[in-house]
Amino acid sequence: QVQLVESGGGLVQPGGSLRLSCVVSENMFNIYTIDWYRQGPNKERELVGWITPQGRTTDAGSVKGRVTISRADTINTVYLQMNNLTPEDTAVYYCPAQRSGFPDYWGQGTQVTVSS
């Protein structure tokens, strides 16, 4: 069973923070690396970062230094904490699972809108 369910998106003011959640099916949680991607309006999909089954994290791209990726093993959940948000962070955020460096499975995404 493949399950990747993102949540936590919404409207936030510039300078604010938001934490997104990604619930991962139990059979995948300790095997797959969970990425975070985003796609803004009229933009290409962008890698935000990832967390490995061992808990090692990397943040990437234009959000580097403003995000924290973590996981809660008891509830099979991965988090993306984002700080100091700007309108450029407006996007649909996804948490695909991968084992080869490229996403194998995708969730439906969660919309984040940064606006005053």
N, C-alpha and C. Protein backbone atom coordinates (compact mmCIF):
# COMPACT_ATOMS: atom_id res chain seq x y z
N GLN A 1 0.84 -1.18 0.00
CA GLN A 1 0.00 0.00 0.00
C GLN A 1 0.88 1.24 0.00
N VAL A 2 0.58 2.15 -0.89
CA VAL A 2 1.33 3.40 -1.00
C VAL A 2 0.45 4.54 -0.51
N GLN A 3 0.94 5.25 0.49
CA GLN A 3 0.20 6.39 1.01
C GLN A 3 1.16 7.51 1.30
N LEU A 4 0.91 8.64 0.72
CA LEU A 4 1.64 9.87 0.99
C LEU A 4 0.61 10.98 1.03
N VAL A 5 0.35 11.50 2.20
CA VAL A 5 -0.71 12.48 2.36
C VAL A 5 -0.14 13.74 2.99
N GLU A 6 -0.12 14.80 2.20
CA GLU A 6 0.38 16.09 2.67
C GLU A 6 -0.76 16.90 3.29
N SER A 7 -0.41 17.70 4.29
CA SER A 7 -1.39 18.60 4.90
C SER A 7 -0.65 19.74 5.58
N GLY A 8 -1.42 20.71 6.04
CA GLY A 8 -0.84 21.82 6.76
C GLY A 8 -0.70 23.10 5.97
N GLY A 9 -1.02 23.05 4.70
CA GLY A 9 -0.95 24.26 3.89
C GLY A 9 -2.04 25.24 4.25
N GLY A 10 -1.92 26.43 3.68
CA GLY A 10 -2.90 27.47 3.92
C GLY A 10 -2.36 28.82 3.57
N LEU A 11 -3.03 29.83 4.08
CA LEU A 11 -2.64 31.21 3.84
C LEU A 11 -1.81 31.72 5.01
N VAL A 12 -0.67 32.29 4.70
CA VAL A 12 0.21 32.82 5.75
C VAL A 12 0.75 34.17 5.28
N GLN A 13 0.96 35.06 6.21
CA GLN A 13 1.49 36.37 5.87
C GLN A 13 2.98 36.33 5.63
N PRO A 14 3.49 37.24 4.82
CA PRO A 14 4.95 37.31 4.64
C PRO A 14 5.67 37.46 5.97
N GLY A 15 6.77 36.74 6.08
CA GLY A 15 7.52 36.73 7.33
C GLY A 15 7.07 35.66 8.30
N GLY A 16 5.96 35.03 7.99
CA GLY A 16 5.42 34.00 8.88
C GLY A 16 6.07 32.65 8.69
N SER A 17 5.56 31.70 9.45
CA SER A 17 6.07 30.33 9.42
C SER A 17 4.92 29.35 9.22
N LEU A 18 5.30 28.17 8.77
CA LEU A 18 4.29 27.14 8.52
C LEU A 18 4.96 25.78 8.64
N ARG A 19 4.24 24.83 9.16
CA ARG A 19 4.75 23.46 9.21
C ARG A 19 3.82 22.55 8.42
N LEU A 20 4.38 21.91 7.42
CA LEU A 20 3.65 20.95 6.62
C LEU A 20 3.91 19.55 7.13
N SER A 21 2.92 18.69 6.99
CA SER A 21 3.04 17.31 7.40
C SER A 21 2.87 16.38 6.22
N CYS A 22 3.50 15.24 6.31
CA CYS A 22 3.38 14.21 5.28
C CYS A 22 3.26 12.87 5.99
N VAL A 23 2.09 12.30 5.95
CA VAL A 23 1.88 10.97 6.53
C VAL A 23 2.23 9.93 5.48
N VAL A 24 3.11 9.02 5.87
CA VAL A 24 3.65 8.01 4.96
C VAL A 24 3.17 6.64 5.41
N SER A 25 2.81 5.81 4.47
CA SER A 25 2.36 4.47 4.84
C SER A 25 3.48 3.72 5.55
N GLU A 26 3.07 2.90 6.49
CA GLU A 26 4.01 2.24 7.38
C GLU A 26 5.02 1.39 6.62
N ASN A 27 4.60 0.73 5.57
CA ASN A 27 5.50 -0.15 4.82
C ASN A 27 6.56 0.61 4.04
N MET A 28 6.41 1.93 3.93
CA MET A 28 7.38 2.74 3.19
C MET A 28 8.26 3.57 4.12
N PHE A 29 7.80 3.84 5.30
CA PHE A 29 8.41 4.89 6.11
C PHE A 29 9.87 4.64 6.42
N ASN A 30 10.24 3.41 6.71
CA ASN A 30 11.62 3.11 7.08
C ASN A 30 12.47 2.60 5.91
N ILE A 31 11.93 2.71 4.69
CA ILE A 31 12.64 2.23 3.52
C ILE A 31 12.94 3.37 2.54
N TYR A 32 11.98 4.26 2.36
CA TYR A 32 12.10 5.30 1.34
C TYR A 32 12.62 6.61 1.93
N THR A 33 13.43 7.29 1.15
CA THR A 33 13.72 8.69 1.42
C THR A 33 12.51 9.52 1.02
N ILE A 34 12.14 10.46 1.87
CA ILE A 34 11.01 11.33 1.59
C ILE A 34 11.54 12.70 1.17
N ASP A 35 11.22 13.08 -0.04
CA ASP A 35 11.59 14.39 -0.55
C ASP A 35 10.48 15.39 -0.25
N TRP A 36 10.84 16.66 -0.32
CA TRP A 36 9.85 17.73 -0.40
C TRP A 36 10.13 18.49 -1.70
N TYR A 37 9.09 18.63 -2.51
CA TYR A 37 9.13 19.42 -3.72
C TYR A 37 8.05 20.50 -3.63
N ARG A 38 8.19 21.48 -4.47
CA ARG A 38 7.14 22.47 -4.59
C ARG A 38 7.04 22.93 -6.04
N GLN A 39 5.85 23.39 -6.39
CA GLN A 39 5.65 23.96 -7.72
C GLN A 39 4.77 25.19 -7.59
N GLY A 40 5.37 26.33 -7.87
CA GLY A 40 4.64 27.59 -7.83
C GLY A 40 3.93 27.87 -9.14
N PRO A 41 3.06 28.85 -9.13
CA PRO A 41 2.33 29.20 -10.35
C PRO A 41 3.29 29.60 -11.47
N ASN A 42 3.14 28.96 -12.59
CA ASN A 42 3.97 29.24 -13.77
C ASN A 42 5.45 29.00 -13.51
N LYS A 43 5.75 28.07 -12.60
CA LYS A 43 7.15 27.74 -12.31
C LYS A 43 7.37 26.25 -12.47
N GLU A 44 8.61 25.88 -12.64
CA GLU A 44 8.95 24.47 -12.69
C GLU A 44 8.97 23.89 -11.28
N ARG A 45 8.80 22.59 -11.21
CA ARG A 45 8.87 21.93 -9.92
C ARG A 45 10.27 22.07 -9.34
N GLU A 46 10.35 22.34 -8.06
CA GLU A 46 11.62 22.61 -7.40
C GLU A 46 11.82 21.70 -6.20
N LEU A 47 12.99 21.15 -6.07
CA LEU A 47 13.32 20.33 -4.91
C LEU A 47 13.58 21.24 -3.71
N VAL A 48 12.92 20.92 -2.60
CA VAL A 48 13.08 21.69 -1.37
C VAL A 48 14.08 21.02 -0.44
N GLY A 49 14.04 19.70 -0.37
CA GLY A 49 14.96 18.97 0.48
C GLY A 49 14.48 17.54 0.65
N TRP A 50 15.15 16.81 1.55
CA TRP A 50 14.76 15.44 1.79
C TRP A 50 15.23 14.94 3.14
N ILE A 51 14.65 13.82 3.55
CA ILE A 51 15.07 13.15 4.77
C ILE A 51 15.16 11.66 4.48
N THR A 52 16.25 11.05 4.89
CA THR A 52 16.46 9.63 4.64
C THR A 52 15.80 8.79 5.73
N PRO A 53 15.70 7.49 5.51
CA PRO A 53 15.15 6.63 6.56
C PRO A 53 15.97 6.69 7.85
N GLN A 54 17.24 7.04 7.73
CA GLN A 54 18.10 7.15 8.91
C GLN A 54 17.97 8.52 9.58
N GLY A 55 17.19 9.41 8.97
CA GLY A 55 16.96 10.71 9.56
C GLY A 55 17.91 11.80 9.11
N ARG A 56 18.75 11.50 8.13
CA ARG A 56 19.65 12.54 7.61
C ARG A 56 18.87 13.46 6.69
N THR A 57 19.11 14.76 6.84
CA THR A 57 18.34 15.74 6.08
C THR A 57 19.22 16.63 5.23
N THR A 58 18.63 17.12 4.19
CA THR A 58 19.27 18.11 3.32
C THR A 58 18.21 19.08 2.85
N ASP A 59 18.50 20.35 2.90
CA ASP A 59 17.62 21.33 2.28
C ASP A 59 18.34 21.91 1.08
N ALA A 60 17.58 22.34 0.10
CA ALA A 60 18.16 22.68 -1.19
C ALA A 60 17.48 23.89 -1.79
N GLY A 61 18.07 24.36 -2.85
CA GLY A 61 17.46 25.38 -3.67
C GLY A 61 17.28 26.69 -2.93
N SER A 62 16.22 27.38 -3.31
CA SER A 62 16.01 28.73 -2.82
C SER A 62 15.52 28.79 -1.38
N VAL A 63 15.18 27.65 -0.79
CA VAL A 63 14.73 27.66 0.60
C VAL A 63 15.84 27.30 1.57
N LYS A 64 17.00 27.02 1.04
CA LYS A 64 18.11 26.56 1.88
C LYS A 64 18.35 27.54 3.02
N GLY A 65 18.38 26.98 4.23
CA GLY A 65 18.61 27.80 5.41
C GLY A 65 17.33 28.29 6.07
N ARG A 66 16.19 28.13 5.40
CA ARG A 66 14.92 28.61 5.96
C ARG A 66 13.97 27.47 6.30
N VAL A 67 14.40 26.25 6.08
CA VAL A 67 13.52 25.13 6.34
C VAL A 67 14.20 24.11 7.23
N THR A 68 13.37 23.36 7.94
CA THR A 68 13.83 22.23 8.73
C THR A 68 12.96 21.04 8.39
N ILE A 69 13.59 19.95 8.04
CA ILE A 69 12.88 18.71 7.76
C ILE A 69 13.12 17.75 8.90
N SER A 70 12.06 17.13 9.36
CA SER A 70 12.18 16.21 10.48
C SER A 70 11.16 15.09 10.32
N ARG A 71 11.22 14.12 11.21
CA ARG A 71 10.30 13.01 11.14
C ARG A 71 9.89 12.55 12.53
N ALA A 72 8.68 12.05 12.64
CA ALA A 72 8.17 11.48 13.87
C ALA A 72 7.90 10.00 13.60
N ASP A 73 8.79 9.16 14.08
CA ASP A 73 8.73 7.74 13.72
C ASP A 73 7.49 7.05 14.26
N THR A 74 7.01 7.49 15.42
CA THR A 74 5.88 6.76 16.02
C THR A 74 4.58 6.96 15.25
N ILE A 75 4.53 8.00 14.42
CA ILE A 75 3.30 8.26 13.66
C ILE A 75 3.56 8.34 12.16
N ASN A 76 4.72 7.83 11.72
CA ASN A 76 5.05 7.74 10.29
C ASN A 76 4.84 9.07 9.57
N THR A 77 5.34 10.11 10.15
CA THR A 77 5.10 11.44 9.60
C THR A 77 6.41 12.19 9.41
N VAL A 78 6.49 12.87 8.29
CA VAL A 78 7.61 13.74 7.98
C VAL A 78 7.09 15.18 7.97
N TYR A 79 7.92 16.08 8.48
CA TYR A 79 7.51 17.48 8.57
C TYR A 79 8.45 18.37 7.74
N LEU A 80 7.86 19.46 7.28
CA LEU A 80 8.64 20.52 6.64
C LEU A 80 8.28 21.82 7.35
N GLN A 81 9.21 22.31 8.15
CA GLN A 81 9.03 23.59 8.84
C GLN A 81 9.64 24.68 7.98
N MET A 82 8.87 25.68 7.65
CA MET A 82 9.35 26.78 6.81
C MET A 82 9.22 28.09 7.56
N ASN A 83 10.26 28.90 7.51
CA ASN A 83 10.30 30.15 8.24
C ASN A 83 10.56 31.32 7.30
N ASN A 84 10.21 32.50 7.78
CA ASN A 84 10.46 33.72 7.04
C ASN A 84 9.93 33.63 5.61
N LEU A 85 8.70 33.26 5.51
CA LEU A 85 8.09 33.02 4.20
C LEU A 85 7.90 34.31 3.42
N THR A 86 8.04 34.20 2.11
CA THR A 86 7.81 35.32 1.20
C THR A 86 6.79 34.88 0.15
N PRO A 87 6.24 35.81 -0.59
CA PRO A 87 5.30 35.43 -1.66
C PRO A 87 5.91 34.45 -2.67
N GLU A 88 7.23 34.47 -2.80
CA GLU A 88 7.89 33.53 -3.71
C GLU A 88 7.77 32.09 -3.24
N ASP A 89 7.41 31.88 -2.00
CA ASP A 89 7.22 30.53 -1.48
C ASP A 89 5.83 29.98 -1.77
N THR A 90 4.97 30.78 -2.36
CA THR A 90 3.65 30.31 -2.73
C THR A 90 3.76 29.18 -3.75
N ALA A 91 3.18 28.04 -3.41
CA ALA A 91 3.32 26.87 -4.27
C ALA A 91 2.47 25.73 -3.71
N VAL A 92 2.33 24.71 -4.52
CA VAL A 92 1.83 23.43 -4.03
C VAL A 92 3.04 22.62 -3.59
N TYR A 93 2.98 22.10 -2.38
CA TYR A 93 4.10 21.35 -1.80
C TYR A 93 3.75 19.86 -1.78
N TYR A 94 4.73 19.07 -2.21
CA TYR A 94 4.56 17.63 -2.31
C TYR A 94 5.64 16.90 -1.52
N CYS A 95 5.33 15.69 -1.08
CA CYS A 95 6.33 14.87 -0.37
C CYS A 95 6.45 13.50 -1.04
N PRO A 96 7.08 13.41 -2.17
CA PRO A 96 7.22 12.12 -2.83
C PRO A 96 8.22 11.22 -2.12
N ALA A 97 8.10 9.93 -2.37
CA ALA A 97 9.01 8.94 -1.81
C ALA A 97 9.92 8.42 -2.92
N GLN A 98 11.18 8.21 -2.56
CA GLN A 98 12.12 7.74 -3.57
C GLN A 98 13.18 6.86 -2.95
N ARG A 99 13.74 5.98 -3.78
CA ARG A 99 14.86 5.13 -3.35
C ARG A 99 16.04 5.23 -4.29
N SER A 100 15.86 5.97 -5.39
CA SER A 100 16.88 5.98 -6.43
C SER A 100 17.34 7.38 -6.78
N GLY A 101 16.90 8.35 -5.99
CA GLY A 101 17.25 9.73 -6.29
C GLY A 101 16.17 10.47 -7.03
N PHE A 102 15.22 9.73 -7.60
CA PHE A 102 14.10 10.35 -8.30
C PHE A 102 12.80 9.81 -7.70
N PRO A 103 11.80 10.68 -7.57
CA PRO A 103 10.55 10.26 -6.93
C PRO A 103 9.90 9.06 -7.60
N ASP A 104 9.45 8.12 -6.75
CA ASP A 104 8.73 6.96 -7.23
C ASP A 104 7.22 7.11 -7.04
N TYR A 105 6.85 7.71 -5.93
CA TYR A 105 5.44 7.88 -5.59
C TYR A 105 5.19 9.30 -5.13
N TRP A 106 4.00 9.82 -5.49
CA TRP A 106 3.63 11.19 -5.15
C TRP A 106 2.31 11.21 -4.38
N GLY A 107 2.19 12.22 -3.52
CA GLY A 107 0.91 12.51 -2.91
C GLY A 107 0.17 13.56 -3.71
N GLN A 108 -0.91 14.06 -3.13
CA GLN A 108 -1.75 15.01 -3.86
C GLN A 108 -1.29 16.45 -3.69
N GLY A 109 -0.43 16.71 -2.72
CA GLY A 109 0.09 18.05 -2.50
C GLY A 109 -0.78 18.87 -1.56
N THR A 110 -0.19 19.93 -1.04
CA THR A 110 -0.91 20.87 -0.20
C THR A 110 -0.52 22.29 -0.60
N GLN A 111 -1.51 23.15 -0.72
CA GLN A 111 -1.28 24.51 -1.22
C GLN A 111 -0.82 25.42 -0.09
N VAL A 112 0.26 26.15 -0.36
CA VAL A 112 0.73 27.19 0.54
C VAL A 112 0.66 28.53 -0.20
N THR A 113 -0.01 29.48 0.39
CA THR A 113 -0.11 30.82 -0.19
C THR A 113 0.42 31.83 0.80
N VAL A 114 1.41 32.60 0.36
CA VAL A 114 2.00 33.62 1.21
C VAL A 114 1.57 34.98 0.67
N SER A 115 0.75 35.66 1.45
CA SER A 115 0.19 36.92 0.98
C SER A 115 -0.28 37.74 2.17
N SER A 116 -0.21 39.05 2.02
CA SER A 116 -0.73 39.94 3.05
C SER A 116 -2.18 40.32 2.74
